[in-house]
Amino acid sequence: MRLLNISPAESLLEEIFIQVMSSNVITINERKQIQSVLSGGDLGDDESAIINRLVYRIRRGWVKLVE
């Protein structure tokens, strides 16, 4: 059996991504969590892809920023 090696940052971003995609909104708390991941250092390809997908959907207006 092969275990997946998922970083805490990737796990957090996946949870945020699922929540945002199901609600079509991103909260202040979720934005702060993403900022903390970004300030934490090097991002892997998976983390970068998740953030890029979120940014794309926000820019297209598919996800709204809420207070």
N, C-alpha and C. Protein backbone atom coordinates (compact mmCIF):
# COMPACT_ATOMS: atom_id res chain seq x y z
N MET A 1 0.84 -1.17 0.00
CA MET A 1 0.00 0.00 0.00
C MET A 1 0.89 1.24 0.00
N ARG A 2 0.57 2.17 -0.86
CA ARG A 2 1.35 3.40 -0.98
C ARG A 2 0.59 4.53 -0.31
N LEU A 3 1.24 5.21 0.58
CA LEU A 3 0.64 6.35 1.27
C LEU A 3 0.95 7.63 0.52
N LEU A 4 -0.03 8.48 0.45
CA LEU A 4 0.17 9.77 -0.20
C LEU A 4 0.86 10.72 0.75
N ASN A 5 1.78 11.48 0.21
CA ASN A 5 2.50 12.46 1.01
C ASN A 5 1.93 13.84 0.68
N ILE A 6 0.93 14.26 1.44
CA ILE A 6 0.27 15.54 1.22
C ILE A 6 0.70 16.50 2.31
N SER A 7 1.18 17.65 1.90
CA SER A 7 1.62 18.65 2.88
C SER A 7 0.41 19.28 3.57
N PRO A 8 0.62 19.81 4.77
CA PRO A 8 -0.48 20.51 5.45
C PRO A 8 -1.02 21.68 4.63
N ALA A 9 -0.14 22.38 3.93
CA ALA A 9 -0.58 23.51 3.11
C ALA A 9 -1.49 23.03 1.98
N GLU A 10 -1.11 21.93 1.36
CA GLU A 10 -1.92 21.40 0.26
C GLU A 10 -3.28 20.93 0.79
N SER A 11 -3.28 20.29 1.91
CA SER A 11 -4.53 19.82 2.51
C SER A 11 -5.45 21.01 2.83
N LEU A 12 -4.90 22.06 3.42
CA LEU A 12 -5.67 23.26 3.74
C LEU A 12 -6.23 23.89 2.47
N LEU A 13 -5.40 24.01 1.45
CA LEU A 13 -5.85 24.62 0.20
C LEU A 13 -6.94 23.78 -0.46
N GLU A 14 -6.82 22.46 -0.38
CA GLU A 14 -7.85 21.60 -0.95
C GLU A 14 -9.18 21.79 -0.22
N GLU A 15 -9.13 21.90 1.10
CA GLU A 15 -10.35 22.13 1.87
C GLU A 15 -10.98 23.47 1.50
N ILE A 16 -10.16 24.51 1.40
CA ILE A 16 -10.66 25.83 1.01
C ILE A 16 -11.27 25.77 -0.38
N PHE A 17 -10.58 25.12 -1.31
CA PHE A 17 -11.05 25.02 -2.69
C PHE A 17 -12.43 24.35 -2.74
N ILE A 18 -12.59 23.26 -2.02
CA ILE A 18 -13.87 22.54 -2.00
C ILE A 18 -14.97 23.43 -1.44
N GLN A 19 -14.67 24.13 -0.35
CA GLN A 19 -15.66 25.01 0.28
C GLN A 19 -16.04 26.15 -0.67
N VAL A 20 -15.05 26.77 -1.28
CA VAL A 20 -15.32 27.90 -2.17
C VAL A 20 -16.10 27.44 -3.40
N MET A 21 -15.77 26.32 -3.96
CA MET A 21 -16.45 25.84 -5.15
C MET A 21 -17.90 25.43 -4.85
N SER A 22 -18.16 24.97 -3.64
CA SER A 22 -19.53 24.58 -3.30
C SER A 22 -20.40 25.79 -2.97
N SER A 23 -19.79 26.88 -2.49
CA SER A 23 -20.57 28.06 -2.09
C SER A 23 -20.47 29.22 -3.08
N ASN A 24 -19.46 29.20 -3.93
CA ASN A 24 -19.18 30.28 -4.89
C ASN A 24 -18.87 31.61 -4.21
N VAL A 25 -18.41 31.56 -2.96
CA VAL A 25 -17.94 32.75 -2.26
C VAL A 25 -16.65 32.39 -1.52
N ILE A 26 -15.83 33.43 -1.29
CA ILE A 26 -14.62 33.25 -0.50
C ILE A 26 -14.67 34.30 0.62
N THR A 27 -14.46 33.84 1.82
CA THR A 27 -14.57 34.71 3.00
C THR A 27 -13.23 35.34 3.36
N ILE A 28 -13.27 36.29 4.27
CA ILE A 28 -12.05 36.92 4.76
C ILE A 28 -11.14 35.88 5.39
N ASN A 29 -11.72 34.99 6.18
CA ASN A 29 -10.94 33.95 6.85
C ASN A 29 -10.23 33.05 5.84
N GLU A 30 -10.93 32.67 4.79
CA GLU A 30 -10.31 31.82 3.76
C GLU A 30 -9.20 32.57 3.04
N ARG A 31 -9.41 33.86 2.79
CA ARG A 31 -8.36 34.66 2.14
C ARG A 31 -7.13 34.76 3.04
N LYS A 32 -7.35 34.93 4.34
CA LYS A 32 -6.22 35.00 5.27
C LYS A 32 -5.47 33.67 5.34
N GLN A 33 -6.19 32.58 5.27
CA GLN A 33 -5.54 31.27 5.28
C GLN A 33 -4.70 31.08 4.03
N ILE A 34 -5.21 31.52 2.89
CA ILE A 34 -4.43 31.43 1.64
C ILE A 34 -3.20 32.32 1.73
N GLN A 35 -3.34 33.52 2.29
CA GLN A 35 -2.20 34.42 2.45
C GLN A 35 -1.13 33.79 3.34
N SER A 36 -1.54 33.10 4.39
CA SER A 36 -0.56 32.47 5.27
C SER A 36 0.18 31.35 4.56
N VAL A 37 -0.51 30.63 3.69
CA VAL A 37 0.17 29.59 2.91
C VAL A 37 1.16 30.23 1.95
N LEU A 38 0.75 31.32 1.31
CA LEU A 38 1.63 32.00 0.36
C LEU A 38 2.87 32.57 1.05
N SER A 39 2.70 33.07 2.27
CA SER A 39 3.85 33.66 2.97
C SER A 39 4.73 32.60 3.61
N GLY A 40 4.27 31.35 3.61
CA GLY A 40 5.00 30.27 4.25
C GLY A 40 6.20 29.76 3.48
N GLY A 41 6.38 30.20 2.26
CA GLY A 41 7.55 29.76 1.52
C GLY A 41 7.20 29.14 0.18
N ASP A 42 8.02 28.20 -0.23
CA ASP A 42 7.87 27.56 -1.54
C ASP A 42 6.59 26.78 -1.64
N LEU A 43 5.90 26.98 -2.76
CA LEU A 43 4.69 26.22 -3.04
C LEU A 43 5.01 25.14 -4.05
N GLY A 44 4.38 24.00 -3.87
CA GLY A 44 4.52 22.94 -4.85
C GLY A 44 3.61 23.19 -6.03
N ASP A 45 3.72 22.34 -7.02
CA ASP A 45 2.89 22.49 -8.22
C ASP A 45 1.41 22.38 -7.91
N ASP A 46 1.04 21.45 -7.03
CA ASP A 46 -0.36 21.26 -6.68
C ASP A 46 -0.93 22.47 -5.97
N GLU A 47 -0.17 23.03 -5.02
CA GLU A 47 -0.63 24.21 -4.31
C GLU A 47 -0.80 25.39 -5.26
N SER A 48 0.16 25.58 -6.15
CA SER A 48 0.08 26.67 -7.13
C SER A 48 -1.12 26.50 -8.04
N ALA A 49 -1.40 25.28 -8.44
CA ALA A 49 -2.55 25.02 -9.32
C ALA A 49 -3.86 25.35 -8.63
N ILE A 50 -3.98 24.99 -7.36
CA ILE A 50 -5.21 25.29 -6.61
C ILE A 50 -5.41 26.80 -6.52
N ILE A 51 -4.35 27.52 -6.16
CA ILE A 51 -4.45 28.98 -6.04
C ILE A 51 -4.77 29.61 -7.40
N ASN A 52 -4.15 29.13 -8.46
CA ASN A 52 -4.43 29.66 -9.79
C ASN A 52 -5.89 29.44 -10.20
N ARG A 53 -6.44 28.27 -9.87
CA ARG A 53 -7.85 28.00 -10.17
C ARG A 53 -8.77 28.95 -9.41
N LEU A 54 -8.45 29.19 -8.14
CA LEU A 54 -9.27 30.11 -7.35
C LEU A 54 -9.21 31.52 -7.92
N VAL A 55 -8.02 31.99 -8.23
CA VAL A 55 -7.85 33.34 -8.77
C VAL A 55 -8.59 33.48 -10.10
N TYR A 56 -8.50 32.47 -10.95
CA TYR A 56 -9.18 32.50 -12.25
C TYR A 56 -10.69 32.63 -12.06
N ARG A 57 -11.25 31.85 -11.15
CA ARG A 57 -12.69 31.88 -10.92
C ARG A 57 -13.13 33.21 -10.30
N ILE A 58 -12.29 33.80 -9.45
CA ILE A 58 -12.62 35.10 -8.88
C ILE A 58 -12.59 36.17 -9.97
N ARG A 59 -11.57 36.13 -10.81
CA ARG A 59 -11.45 37.14 -11.87
C ARG A 59 -12.59 37.05 -12.87
N ARG A 60 -13.10 35.84 -13.12
CA ARG A 60 -14.20 35.64 -14.05
C ARG A 60 -15.55 36.02 -13.43
N GLY A 61 -15.57 36.24 -12.12
CA GLY A 61 -16.81 36.60 -11.44
C GLY A 61 -17.62 35.39 -11.00
N TRP A 62 -17.05 34.21 -11.12
CA TRP A 62 -17.75 32.98 -10.72
C TRP A 62 -17.71 32.80 -9.21
N VAL A 63 -16.75 33.43 -8.55
CA VAL A 63 -16.63 33.37 -7.10
C VAL A 63 -16.62 34.82 -6.61
N LYS A 64 -17.43 35.09 -5.62
CA LYS A 64 -17.52 36.44 -5.05
C LYS A 64 -16.73 36.55 -3.77
N LEU A 65 -16.11 37.70 -3.57
CA LEU A 65 -15.40 37.99 -2.33
C LEU A 65 -16.41 38.58 -1.35
N VAL A 66 -16.51 38.02 -0.16
CA VAL A 66 -17.46 38.52 0.84
C VAL A 66 -16.72 38.89 2.10
N GLU A 67 -17.30 39.82 2.84
CA GLU A 67 -16.73 40.29 4.10
C GLU A 67 -17.11 39.38 5.23
